[in-house]
Amino acid sequence: MRGVKYLATIALLAACTPPPPLVTPADADRTHLAMADLQRGRDLLLAKCGGCHDVPLPSSQTPAQWGPRMDDMAQRAGLVGDERRLIQQYLLAMRQ
């Protein structure tokens, strides 16, 4: 029985996607964006996108794909104000 639980745990962990990258001061310097804005974008990505599906990694789309993808998902995620901009800014900045 222990072996089955162990294998089930391993399978569950393998199925999970990794979290999006953490924001560092080097990322803010490299992208010339405020670290607080990048962090807010990551936080919004986790909260707004992760509620319905696995949180996408910045590298999962090209820069040209992120715009239309955000257009498609912004309304469904209930993004308001500058939330869309912050999420997209984070995704594009952390893609590198």
PDB file of N, CA and C in Angstrom:
ATOM      1  N   MET A   1       0.824  -1.195   0.000  1.00  0.00           N
ATOM      2  CA  MET A   1       0.000   0.000   0.000  1.00  0.00           C
ATOM      3  C   MET A   1       0.867   1.258   0.000  1.00  0.00           C
ATOM      4  N   ARG A   2       1.948   1.234   0.761  1.00  0.00           N
ATOM      5  CA  ARG A   2       2.848   2.385   0.799  1.00  0.00           C
ATOM      6  C   ARG A   2       3.431   2.695  -0.566  1.00  0.00           C
ATOM      7  N   GLY A   3       3.784   1.658  -1.291  1.00  0.00           N
ATOM      8  CA  GLY A   3       4.359   1.841  -2.622  1.00  0.00           C
ATOM      9  C   GLY A   3       3.382   2.505  -3.576  1.00  0.00           C
ATOM     10  N   VAL A   4       2.101   2.163  -3.471  1.00  0.00           N
ATOM     11  CA  VAL A   4       1.079   2.757  -4.334  1.00  0.00           C
ATOM     12  C   VAL A   4       0.934   4.245  -4.030  1.00  0.00           C
ATOM     13  N   LYS A   5       0.907   4.604  -2.749  1.00  0.00           N
ATOM     14  CA  LYS A   5       0.807   6.018  -2.370  1.00  0.00           C
ATOM     15  C   LYS A   5       2.030   6.787  -2.855  1.00  0.00           C
ATOM     16  N   TYR A   6       3.195   6.181  -2.737  1.00  0.00           N
ATOM     17  CA  TYR A   6       4.427   6.823  -3.182  1.00  0.00           C
ATOM     18  C   TYR A   6       4.380   7.070  -4.686  1.00  0.00           C
ATOM     19  N   LEU A   7       3.980   6.070  -5.442  1.00  0.00           N
ATOM     20  CA  LEU A   7       3.894   6.211  -6.897  1.00  0.00           C
ATOM     21  C   LEU A   7       2.840   7.240  -7.293  1.00  0.00           C
ATOM     22  N   ALA A   8       1.737   7.286  -6.576  1.00  0.00           N
ATOM     23  CA  ALA A   8       0.687   8.264  -6.863  1.00  0.00           C
ATOM     24  C   ALA A   8       1.201   9.683  -6.614  1.00  0.00           C
ATOM     25  N   THR A   9       1.962   9.850  -5.560  1.00  0.00           N
ATOM     26  CA  THR A   9       2.530  11.165  -5.256  1.00  0.00           C
ATOM     27  C   THR A   9       3.519  11.583  -6.335  1.00  0.00           C
ATOM     28  N   ILE A  10       4.365  10.676  -6.761  1.00  0.00           N
ATOM     29  CA  ILE A  10       5.334  10.954  -7.822  1.00  0.00           C
ATOM     30  C   ILE A  10       4.604  11.330  -9.115  1.00  0.00           C
ATOM     31  N   ALA A  11       3.560  10.602  -9.463  1.00  0.00           N
ATOM     32  CA  ALA A  11       2.798  10.889 -10.678  1.00  0.00           C
ATOM     33  C   ALA A  11       2.139  12.260 -10.605  1.00  0.00           C
ATOM     34  N   LEU A  12       1.605  12.596  -9.448  1.00  0.00           N
ATOM     35  CA  LEU A  12       0.960  13.897  -9.273  1.00  0.00           C
ATOM     36  C   LEU A  12       1.975  15.025  -9.438  1.00  0.00           C
ATOM     37  N   LEU A  13       3.134  14.882  -8.824  1.00  0.00           N
ATOM     38  CA  LEU A  13       4.167  15.907  -8.925  1.00  0.00           C
ATOM     39  C   LEU A  13       4.691  16.035 -10.347  1.00  0.00           C
ATOM     40  N   ALA A  14       4.804  14.945 -11.057  1.00  0.00           N
ATOM     41  CA  ALA A  14       5.294  14.982 -12.430  1.00  0.00           C
ATOM     42  C   ALA A  14       4.303  15.669 -13.352  1.00  0.00           C
ATOM     43  N   ALA A  15       3.019  15.603 -13.031  1.00  0.00           N
ATOM     44  CA  ALA A  15       1.991  16.198 -13.875  1.00  0.00           C
ATOM     45  C   ALA A  15       1.902  17.712 -13.697  1.00  0.00           C
ATOM     46  N   CYS A  16       2.421  18.236 -12.613  1.00  0.00           N
ATOM     47  CA  CYS A  16       2.340  19.670 -12.341  1.00  0.00           C
ATOM     48  C   CYS A  16       3.365  20.424 -13.174  1.00  0.00           C
ATOM     49  N   THR A  17       2.935  21.557 -13.684  1.00  0.00           N
ATOM     50  CA  THR A  17       3.883  22.394 -14.407  1.00  0.00           C
ATOM     51  C   THR A  17       4.670  23.220 -13.400  1.00  0.00           C
ATOM     52  N   PRO A  18       5.881  23.574 -13.751  1.00  0.00           N
ATOM     53  CA  PRO A  18       6.670  24.387 -12.823  1.00  0.00           C
ATOM     54  C   PRO A  18       6.062  25.779 -12.699  1.00  0.00           C
ATOM     55  N   PRO A  19       6.326  26.452 -11.598  1.00  0.00           N
ATOM     56  CA  PRO A  19       5.804  27.813 -11.447  1.00  0.00           C
ATOM     57  C   PRO A  19       6.536  28.774 -12.375  1.00  0.00           C
ATOM     58  N   PRO A  20       5.917  29.902 -12.687  1.00  0.00           N
ATOM     59  CA  PRO A  20       6.611  30.881 -13.517  1.00  0.00           C
ATOM     60  C   PRO A  20       7.824  31.420 -12.760  1.00  0.00           C
ATOM     61  N   PRO A  21       8.826  31.891 -13.494  1.00  0.00           N
ATOM     62  CA  PRO A  21      10.055  32.327 -12.841  1.00  0.00           C
ATOM     63  C   PRO A  21       9.834  33.492 -11.868  1.00  0.00           C
ATOM     64  N   LEU A  22      10.619  33.470 -10.811  1.00  0.00           N
ATOM     65  CA  LEU A  22      10.607  34.556  -9.847  1.00  0.00           C
ATOM     66  C   LEU A  22      11.279  35.787 -10.460  1.00  0.00           C
ATOM     67  N   VAL A  23      10.874  36.941 -10.015  1.00  0.00           N
ATOM     68  CA  VAL A  23      11.447  38.197 -10.494  1.00  0.00           C
ATOM     69  C   VAL A  23      12.645  38.548  -9.624  1.00  0.00           C
ATOM     70  N   THR A  24      13.726  38.953 -10.263  1.00  0.00           N
ATOM     71  CA  THR A  24      14.921  39.364  -9.535  1.00  0.00           C
ATOM     72  C   THR A  24      15.277  40.804  -9.911  1.00  0.00           C
ATOM     73  N   PRO A  25      16.105  41.444  -9.104  1.00  0.00           N
ATOM     74  CA  PRO A  25      16.563  42.781  -9.486  1.00  0.00           C
ATOM     75  C   PRO A  25      17.268  42.786 -10.850  1.00  0.00           C
ATOM     76  N   ALA A  26      17.964  41.704 -11.171  1.00  0.00           N
ATOM     77  CA  ALA A  26      18.631  41.617 -12.473  1.00  0.00           C
ATOM     78  C   ALA A  26      17.619  41.642 -13.620  1.00  0.00           C
ATOM     79  N   ASP A  27      16.452  41.022 -13.414  1.00  0.00           N
ATOM     80  CA  ASP A  27      15.403  41.057 -14.442  1.00  0.00           C
ATOM     81  C   ASP A  27      14.902  42.481 -14.647  1.00  0.00           C
ATOM     82  N   ALA A  28      14.699  43.192 -13.552  1.00  0.00           N
ATOM     83  CA  ALA A  28      14.240  44.579 -13.642  1.00  0.00           C
ATOM     84  C   ALA A  28      15.279  45.438 -14.360  1.00  0.00           C
ATOM     85  N   ASP A  29      16.544  45.265 -14.022  1.00  0.00           N
ATOM     86  CA  ASP A  29      17.612  46.018 -14.690  1.00  0.00           C
ATOM     87  C   ASP A  29      17.690  45.676 -16.170  1.00  0.00           C
ATOM     88  N   ARG A  30      17.633  44.391 -16.475  1.00  0.00           N
ATOM     89  CA  ARG A  30      17.746  43.920 -17.860  1.00  0.00           C
ATOM     90  C   ARG A  30      16.624  44.451 -18.732  1.00  0.00           C
ATOM     91  N   THR A  31      15.431  44.540 -18.178  1.00  0.00           N
ATOM     92  CA  THR A  31      14.257  44.928 -18.964  1.00  0.00           C
ATOM     93  C   THR A  31      13.891  46.405 -18.823  1.00  0.00           C
ATOM     94  N   HIS A  32      14.587  47.101 -17.912  1.00  0.00           N
ATOM     95  CA  HIS A  32      14.303  48.520 -17.648  1.00  0.00           C
ATOM     96  C   HIS A  32      12.856  48.724 -17.186  1.00  0.00           C
ATOM     97  N   LEU A  33      12.369  47.761 -16.399  1.00  0.00           N
ATOM     98  CA  LEU A  33      11.025  47.839 -15.827  1.00  0.00           C
ATOM     99  C   LEU A  33      11.147  47.818 -14.311  1.00  0.00           C
ATOM    100  N   ALA A  34      10.164  48.379 -13.650  1.00  0.00           N
ATOM    101  CA  ALA A  34      10.175  48.378 -12.192  1.00  0.00           C
ATOM    102  C   ALA A  34       9.977  46.958 -11.671  1.00  0.00           C
ATOM    103  N   MET A  35      10.795  46.595 -10.714  1.00  0.00           N
ATOM    104  CA  MET A  35      10.680  45.258 -10.137  1.00  0.00           C
ATOM    105  C   MET A  35       9.291  45.050  -9.539  1.00  0.00           C
ATOM    106  N   ALA A  36       8.725  46.078  -8.922  1.00  0.00           N
ATOM    107  CA  ALA A  36       7.383  45.966  -8.333  1.00  0.00           C
ATOM    108  C   ALA A  36       6.338  45.658  -9.405  1.00  0.00           C
ATOM    109  N   ASP A  37       6.468  46.243 -10.589  1.00  0.00           N
ATOM    110  CA  ASP A  37       5.524  45.967 -11.676  1.00  0.00           C
ATOM    111  C   ASP A  37       5.670  44.537 -12.178  1.00  0.00           C
ATOM    112  N   LEU A  38       6.914  44.087 -12.319  1.00  0.00           N
ATOM    113  CA  LEU A  38       7.132  42.701 -12.753  1.00  0.00           C
ATOM    114  C   LEU A  38       6.574  41.724 -11.722  1.00  0.00           C
ATOM    115  N   GLN A  39       6.817  41.996 -10.447  1.00  0.00           N
ATOM    116  CA  GLN A  39       6.307  41.110  -9.396  1.00  0.00           C
ATOM    117  C   GLN A  39       4.790  41.123  -9.364  1.00  0.00           C
ATOM    118  N   ARG A  40       4.187  42.293  -9.528  1.00  0.00           N
ATOM    119  CA  ARG A  40       2.719  42.385  -9.553  1.00  0.00           C
ATOM    120  C   ARG A  40       2.171  41.599 -10.740  1.00  0.00           C
ATOM    121  N   GLY A  41       2.832  41.672 -11.882  1.00  0.00           N
ATOM    122  CA  GLY A  41       2.412  40.890 -13.042  1.00  0.00           C
ATOM    123  C   GLY A  41       2.456  39.399 -12.765  1.00  0.00           C
ATOM    124  N   ARG A  42       3.517  38.941 -12.094  1.00  0.00           N
ATOM    125  CA  ARG A  42       3.626  37.523 -11.739  1.00  0.00           C
ATOM    126  C   ARG A  42       2.532  37.129 -10.759  1.00  0.00           C
ATOM    127  N   ASP A  43       2.307  37.971  -9.756  1.00  0.00           N
ATOM    128  CA  ASP A  43       1.266  37.686  -8.768  1.00  0.00           C
ATOM    129  C   ASP A  43      -0.110  37.595  -9.426  1.00  0.00           C
ATOM    130  N   LEU A  44      -0.381  38.511 -10.345  1.00  0.00           N
ATOM    131  CA  LEU A  44      -1.663  38.489 -11.061  1.00  0.00           C
ATOM    132  C   LEU A  44      -1.776  37.253 -11.942  1.00  0.00           C
ATOM    133  N   LEU A  45      -0.688  36.885 -12.597  1.00  0.00           N
ATOM    134  CA  LEU A  45      -0.681  35.682 -13.435  1.00  0.00           C
ATOM    135  C   LEU A  45      -1.068  34.466 -12.601  1.00  0.00           C
ATOM    136  N   LEU A  46      -0.461  34.336 -11.435  1.00  0.00           N
ATOM    137  CA  LEU A  46      -0.766  33.204 -10.564  1.00  0.00           C
ATOM    138  C   LEU A  46      -2.222  33.239 -10.096  1.00  0.00           C
ATOM    139  N   ALA A  47      -2.694  34.410  -9.691  1.00  0.00           N
ATOM    140  CA  ALA A  47      -4.041  34.525  -9.128  1.00  0.00           C
ATOM    141  C   ALA A  47      -5.135  34.442 -10.182  1.00  0.00           C
ATOM    142  N   LYS A  48      -4.969  35.154 -11.275  1.00  0.00           N
ATOM    143  CA  LYS A  48      -6.034  35.266 -12.270  1.00  0.00           C
ATOM    144  C   LYS A  48      -6.035  34.103 -13.262  1.00  0.00           C
ATOM    145  N   CYS A  49      -4.865  33.635 -13.643  1.00  0.00           N
ATOM    146  CA  CYS A  49      -4.788  32.566 -14.645  1.00  0.00           C
ATOM    147  C   CYS A  49      -4.793  31.182 -13.998  1.00  0.00           C
ATOM    148  N   GLY A  50      -4.134  31.086 -12.843  1.00  0.00           N
ATOM    149  CA  GLY A  50      -4.014  29.802 -12.171  1.00  0.00           C
ATOM    150  C   GLY A  50      -5.305  29.297 -11.561  1.00  0.00           C
ATOM    151  N   GLY A  51      -6.324  30.137 -11.515  1.00  0.00           N
ATOM    152  CA  GLY A  51      -7.603  29.696 -10.970  1.00  0.00           C
ATOM    153  C   GLY A  51      -8.346  28.741 -11.878  1.00  0.00           C
ATOM    154  N   CYS A  52      -8.050  28.790 -13.172  1.00  0.00           N
ATOM    155  CA  CYS A  52      -8.784  27.960 -14.143  1.00  0.00           C
ATOM    156  C   CYS A  52      -7.932  26.888 -14.811  1.00  0.00           C
ATOM    157  N   HIS A  53      -6.638  27.132 -14.906  1.00  0.00           N
ATOM    158  CA  HIS A  53      -5.767  26.181 -15.610  1.00  0.00           C
ATOM    159  C   HIS A  53      -4.342  26.343 -15.100  1.00  0.00           C
ATOM    160  N   ASP A  54      -3.454  25.471 -15.568  1.00  0.00           N
ATOM    161  CA  ASP A  54      -2.046  25.611 -15.194  1.00  0.00           C
ATOM    162  C   ASP A  54      -1.564  26.987 -15.612  1.00  0.00           C
ATOM    163  N   VAL A  55      -0.754  27.583 -14.796  1.00  0.00           N
ATOM    164  CA  VAL A  55      -0.216  28.900 -15.103  1.00  0.00           C
ATOM    165  C   VAL A  55       0.784  28.752 -16.251  1.00  0.00           C
ATOM    166  N   PRO A  56       0.600  29.522 -17.316  1.00  0.00           N
ATOM    167  CA  PRO A  56       1.518  29.396 -18.445  1.00  0.00           C
ATOM    168  C   PRO A  56       2.893  29.957 -18.108  1.00  0.00           C
ATOM    169  N   LEU A  57       3.896  29.355 -18.655  1.00  0.00           N
ATOM    170  CA  LEU A  57       5.256  29.870 -18.504  1.00  0.00           C
ATOM    171  C   LEU A  57       5.503  30.931 -19.566  1.00  0.00           C
ATOM    172  N   PRO A  58       6.295  31.929 -19.270  1.00  0.00           N
ATOM    173  CA  PRO A  58       6.565  32.969 -20.260  1.00  0.00           C
ATOM    174  C   PRO A  58       7.090  32.415 -21.586  1.00  0.00           C
ATOM    175  N   SER A  59       7.854  31.343 -21.524  1.00  0.00           N
ATOM    176  CA  SER A  59       8.440  30.767 -22.738  1.00  0.00           C
ATOM    177  C   SER A  59       7.468  29.901 -23.537  1.00  0.00           C
ATOM    178  N   SER A  60       6.231  29.743 -23.063  1.00  0.00           N
ATOM    179  CA  SER A  60       5.288  28.864 -23.758  1.00  0.00           C
ATOM    180  C   SER A  60       4.681  29.509 -25.007  1.00  0.00           C
ATOM    181  N   GLN A  61       4.866  30.814 -25.177  1.00  0.00           N
ATOM    182  CA  GLN A  61       4.359  31.521 -26.350  1.00  0.00           C
ATOM    183  C   GLN A  61       5.465  32.456 -26.855  1.00  0.00           C
ATOM    184  N   THR A  62       5.399  32.789 -28.122  1.00  0.00           N
ATOM    185  CA  THR A  62       6.314  33.793 -28.657  1.00  0.00           C
ATOM    186  C   THR A  62       5.765  35.170 -28.307  1.00  0.00           C
ATOM    187  N   PRO A  63       6.587  36.220 -28.390  1.00  0.00           N
ATOM    188  CA  PRO A  63       6.055  37.564 -28.136  1.00  0.00           C
ATOM    189  C   PRO A  63       4.852  37.893 -29.023  1.00  0.00           C
ATOM    190  N   ALA A  64       4.884  37.472 -30.269  1.00  0.00           N
ATOM    191  CA  ALA A  64       3.768  37.741 -31.182  1.00  0.00           C
ATOM    192  C   ALA A  64       2.502  36.982 -30.771  1.00  0.00           C
ATOM    193  N   GLN A  65       2.651  35.851 -30.113  1.00  0.00           N
ATOM    194  CA  GLN A  65       1.493  35.058 -29.684  1.00  0.00           C
ATOM    195  C   GLN A  65       0.877  35.568 -28.386  1.00  0.00           C
ATOM    196  N   TRP A  66       1.684  36.222 -27.533  1.00  0.00           N
ATOM    197  CA  TRP A  66       1.160  36.638 -26.243  1.00  0.00           C
ATOM    198  C   TRP A  66       0.061  37.691 -26.375  1.00  0.00           C
ATOM    199  N   GLY A  67       0.169  38.620 -27.317  1.00  0.00           N
ATOM    200  CA  GLY A  67      -0.860  39.655 -27.477  1.00  0.00           C
ATOM    201  C   GLY A  67      -2.236  39.064 -27.733  1.00  0.00           C
ATOM    202  N   PRO A  68      -2.391  38.266 -28.807  1.00  0.00           N
ATOM    203  CA  PRO A  68      -3.689  37.650 -29.070  1.00  0.00           C
ATOM    204  C   PRO A  68      -4.150  36.710 -27.952  1.00  0.00           C
ATOM    205  N   ARG A  69      -3.213  36.029 -27.327  1.00  0.00           N
ATOM    206  CA  ARG A  69      -3.563  35.128 -26.223  1.00  0.00           C
ATOM    207  C   ARG A  69      -4.138  35.928 -25.058  1.00  0.00           C
ATOM    208  N   MET A  70      -3.511  37.056 -24.766  1.00  0.00           N
ATOM    209  CA  MET A  70      -4.000  37.921 -23.697  1.00  0.00           C
ATOM    210  C   MET A  70      -5.357  38.520 -24.071  1.00  0.00           C
ATOM    211  N   ASP A  71      -5.531  38.893 -25.327  1.00  0.00           N
ATOM    212  CA  ASP A  71      -6.827  39.406 -25.783  1.00  0.00           C
ATOM    213  C   ASP A  71      -7.916  38.373 -25.511  1.00  0.00           C
ATOM    214  N   ASP A  72      -7.599  37.122 -25.819  1.00  0.00           N
ATOM    215  CA  ASP A  72      -8.556  36.027 -25.660  1.00  0.00           C
ATOM    216  C   ASP A  72      -8.890  35.764 -24.186  1.00  0.00           C
ATOM    217  N   MET A  73      -7.895  35.845 -23.318  1.00  0.00           N
ATOM    218  CA  MET A  73      -8.084  35.437 -21.933  1.00  0.00           C
ATOM    219  C   MET A  73      -8.437  36.573 -20.972  1.00  0.00           C
ATOM    220  N   ALA A  74      -8.149  37.821 -21.315  1.00  0.00           N
ATOM    221  CA  ALA A  74      -8.327  38.936 -20.377  1.00  0.00           C
ATOM    222  C   ALA A  74      -9.756  39.049 -19.862  1.00  0.00           C
ATOM    223  N   GLN A  75     -10.714  38.956 -20.753  1.00  0.00           N
ATOM    224  CA  GLN A  75     -12.107  39.081 -20.316  1.00  0.00           C
ATOM    225  C   GLN A  75     -12.520  37.895 -19.464  1.00  0.00           C
ATOM    226  N   ARG A  76     -12.131  36.693 -19.877  1.00  0.00           N
ATOM    227  CA  ARG A  76     -12.486  35.494 -19.102  1.00  0.00           C
ATOM    228  C   ARG A  76     -11.877  35.513 -17.706  1.00  0.00           C
ATOM    229  N   ALA A  77     -10.674  36.088 -17.600  1.00  0.00           N
ATOM    230  CA  ALA A  77      -9.997  36.138 -16.305  1.00  0.00           C
ATOM    231  C   ALA A  77     -10.480  37.310 -15.447  1.00  0.00           C
ATOM    232  N   GLY A  78     -11.313  38.153 -16.014  1.00  0.00           N
ATOM    233  CA  GLY A  78     -11.840  39.283 -15.262  1.00  0.00           C
ATOM    234  C   GLY A  78     -10.794  40.339 -14.959  1.00  0.00           C
ATOM    235  N   LEU A  79      -9.860  40.540 -15.903  1.00  0.00           N
ATOM    236  CA  LEU A  79      -8.811  41.531 -15.683  1.00  0.00           C
ATOM    237  C   LEU A  79      -9.393  42.938 -15.776  1.00  0.00           C
ATOM    238  N   VAL A  80      -8.984  43.783 -14.859  1.00  0.00           N
ATOM    239  CA  VAL A  80      -9.457  45.165 -14.831  1.00  0.00           C
ATOM    240  C   VAL A  80      -8.263  46.114 -14.748  1.00  0.00           C
ATOM    241  N   GLY A  81      -8.506  47.363 -15.129  1.00  0.00           N
ATOM    242  CA  GLY A  81      -7.461  48.374 -15.037  1.00  0.00           C
ATOM    243  C   GLY A  81      -6.210  47.965 -15.791  1.00  0.00           C
ATOM    244  N   ASP A  82      -5.076  48.075 -15.116  1.00  0.00           N
ATOM    245  CA  ASP A  82      -3.806  47.762 -15.779  1.00  0.00           C
ATOM    246  C   ASP A  82      -3.340  46.319 -15.553  1.00  0.00           C
ATOM    247  N   GLU A  83      -4.221  45.453 -15.069  1.00  0.00           N
ATOM    248  CA  GLU A  83      -3.837  44.059 -14.801  1.00  0.00           C
ATOM    249  C   GLU A  83      -3.350  43.347 -16.058  1.00  0.00           C
ATOM    250  N   ARG A  84      -4.038  43.547 -17.171  1.00  0.00           N
ATOM    251  CA  ARG A  84      -3.630  42.891 -18.418  1.00  0.00           C
ATOM    252  C   ARG A  84      -2.223  43.323 -18.805  1.00  0.00           C
ATOM    253  N   ARG A  85      -1.983  44.636 -18.741  1.00  0.00           N
ATOM    254  CA  ARG A  85      -0.671  45.170 -19.105  1.00  0.00           C
ATOM    255  C   ARG A  85       0.417  44.595 -18.209  1.00  0.00           C
ATOM    256  N   LEU A  86       0.167  44.529 -16.916  1.00  0.00           N
ATOM    257  CA  LEU A  86       1.166  44.016 -15.984  1.00  0.00           C
ATOM    258  C   LEU A  86       1.472  42.543 -16.231  1.00  0.00           C
ATOM    259  N   ILE A  87       0.446  41.749 -16.486  1.00  0.00           N
ATOM    260  CA  ILE A  87       0.665  40.321 -16.766  1.00  0.00           C
ATOM    261  C   ILE A  87       1.447  40.155 -18.061  1.00  0.00           C
ATOM    262  N   GLN A  88       1.021  40.848 -19.109  1.00  0.00           N
ATOM    263  CA  GLN A  88       1.704  40.706 -20.400  1.00  0.00           C
ATOM    264  C   GLN A  88       3.140  41.219 -20.306  1.00  0.00           C
ATOM    265  N   GLN A  89       3.342  42.311 -19.596  1.00  0.00           N
ATOM    266  CA  GLN A  89       4.686  42.853 -19.403  1.00  0.00           C
ATOM    267  C   GLN A  89       5.577  41.825 -18.715  1.00  0.00           C
ATOM    268  N   TYR A  90       5.049  41.176 -17.680  1.00  0.00           N
ATOM    269  CA  TYR A  90       5.810  40.129 -16.978  1.00  0.00           C
ATOM    270  C   TYR A  90       6.142  38.984 -17.931  1.00  0.00           C
ATOM    271  N   LEU A  91       5.134  38.496 -18.662  1.00  0.00           N
ATOM    272  CA  LEU A  91       5.350  37.357 -19.567  1.00  0.00           C
ATOM    273  C   LEU A  91       6.407  37.664 -20.617  1.00  0.00           C
ATOM    274  N   LEU A  92       6.351  38.846 -21.187  1.00  0.00           N
ATOM    275  CA  LEU A  92       7.323  39.210 -22.217  1.00  0.00           C
ATOM    276  C   LEU A  92       8.719  39.430 -21.620  1.00  0.00           C
ATOM    277  N   ALA A  93       8.779  40.083 -20.479  1.00  0.00           N
ATOM    278  CA  ALA A  93      10.070  40.352 -19.854  1.00  0.00           C
ATOM    279  C   ALA A  93      10.767  39.077 -19.391  1.00  0.00           C
ATOM    280  N   MET A  94      10.002  38.145 -18.867  1.00  0.00           N
ATOM    281  CA  MET A  94      10.593  36.933 -18.304  1.00  0.00           C
ATOM    282  C   MET A  94      10.770  35.832 -19.339  1.00  0.00           C
ATOM    283  N   ARG A  95      10.359  36.081 -20.552  1.00  0.00           N
ATOM    284  CA  ARG A  95      10.508  35.107 -21.627  1.00  0.00           C
ATOM    285  C   ARG A  95      11.977  34.925 -21.994  1.00  0.00           C
ATOM    286  N   GLN A  96      12.771  35.948 -21.801  1.00  0.00           N
ATOM    287  CA  GLN A  96      14.182  35.940 -22.222  1.00  0.00           C
ATOM    288  C   GLN A  96      15.027  35.025 -21.374  1.00  0.00           C
TER     289      GLN A  96
END
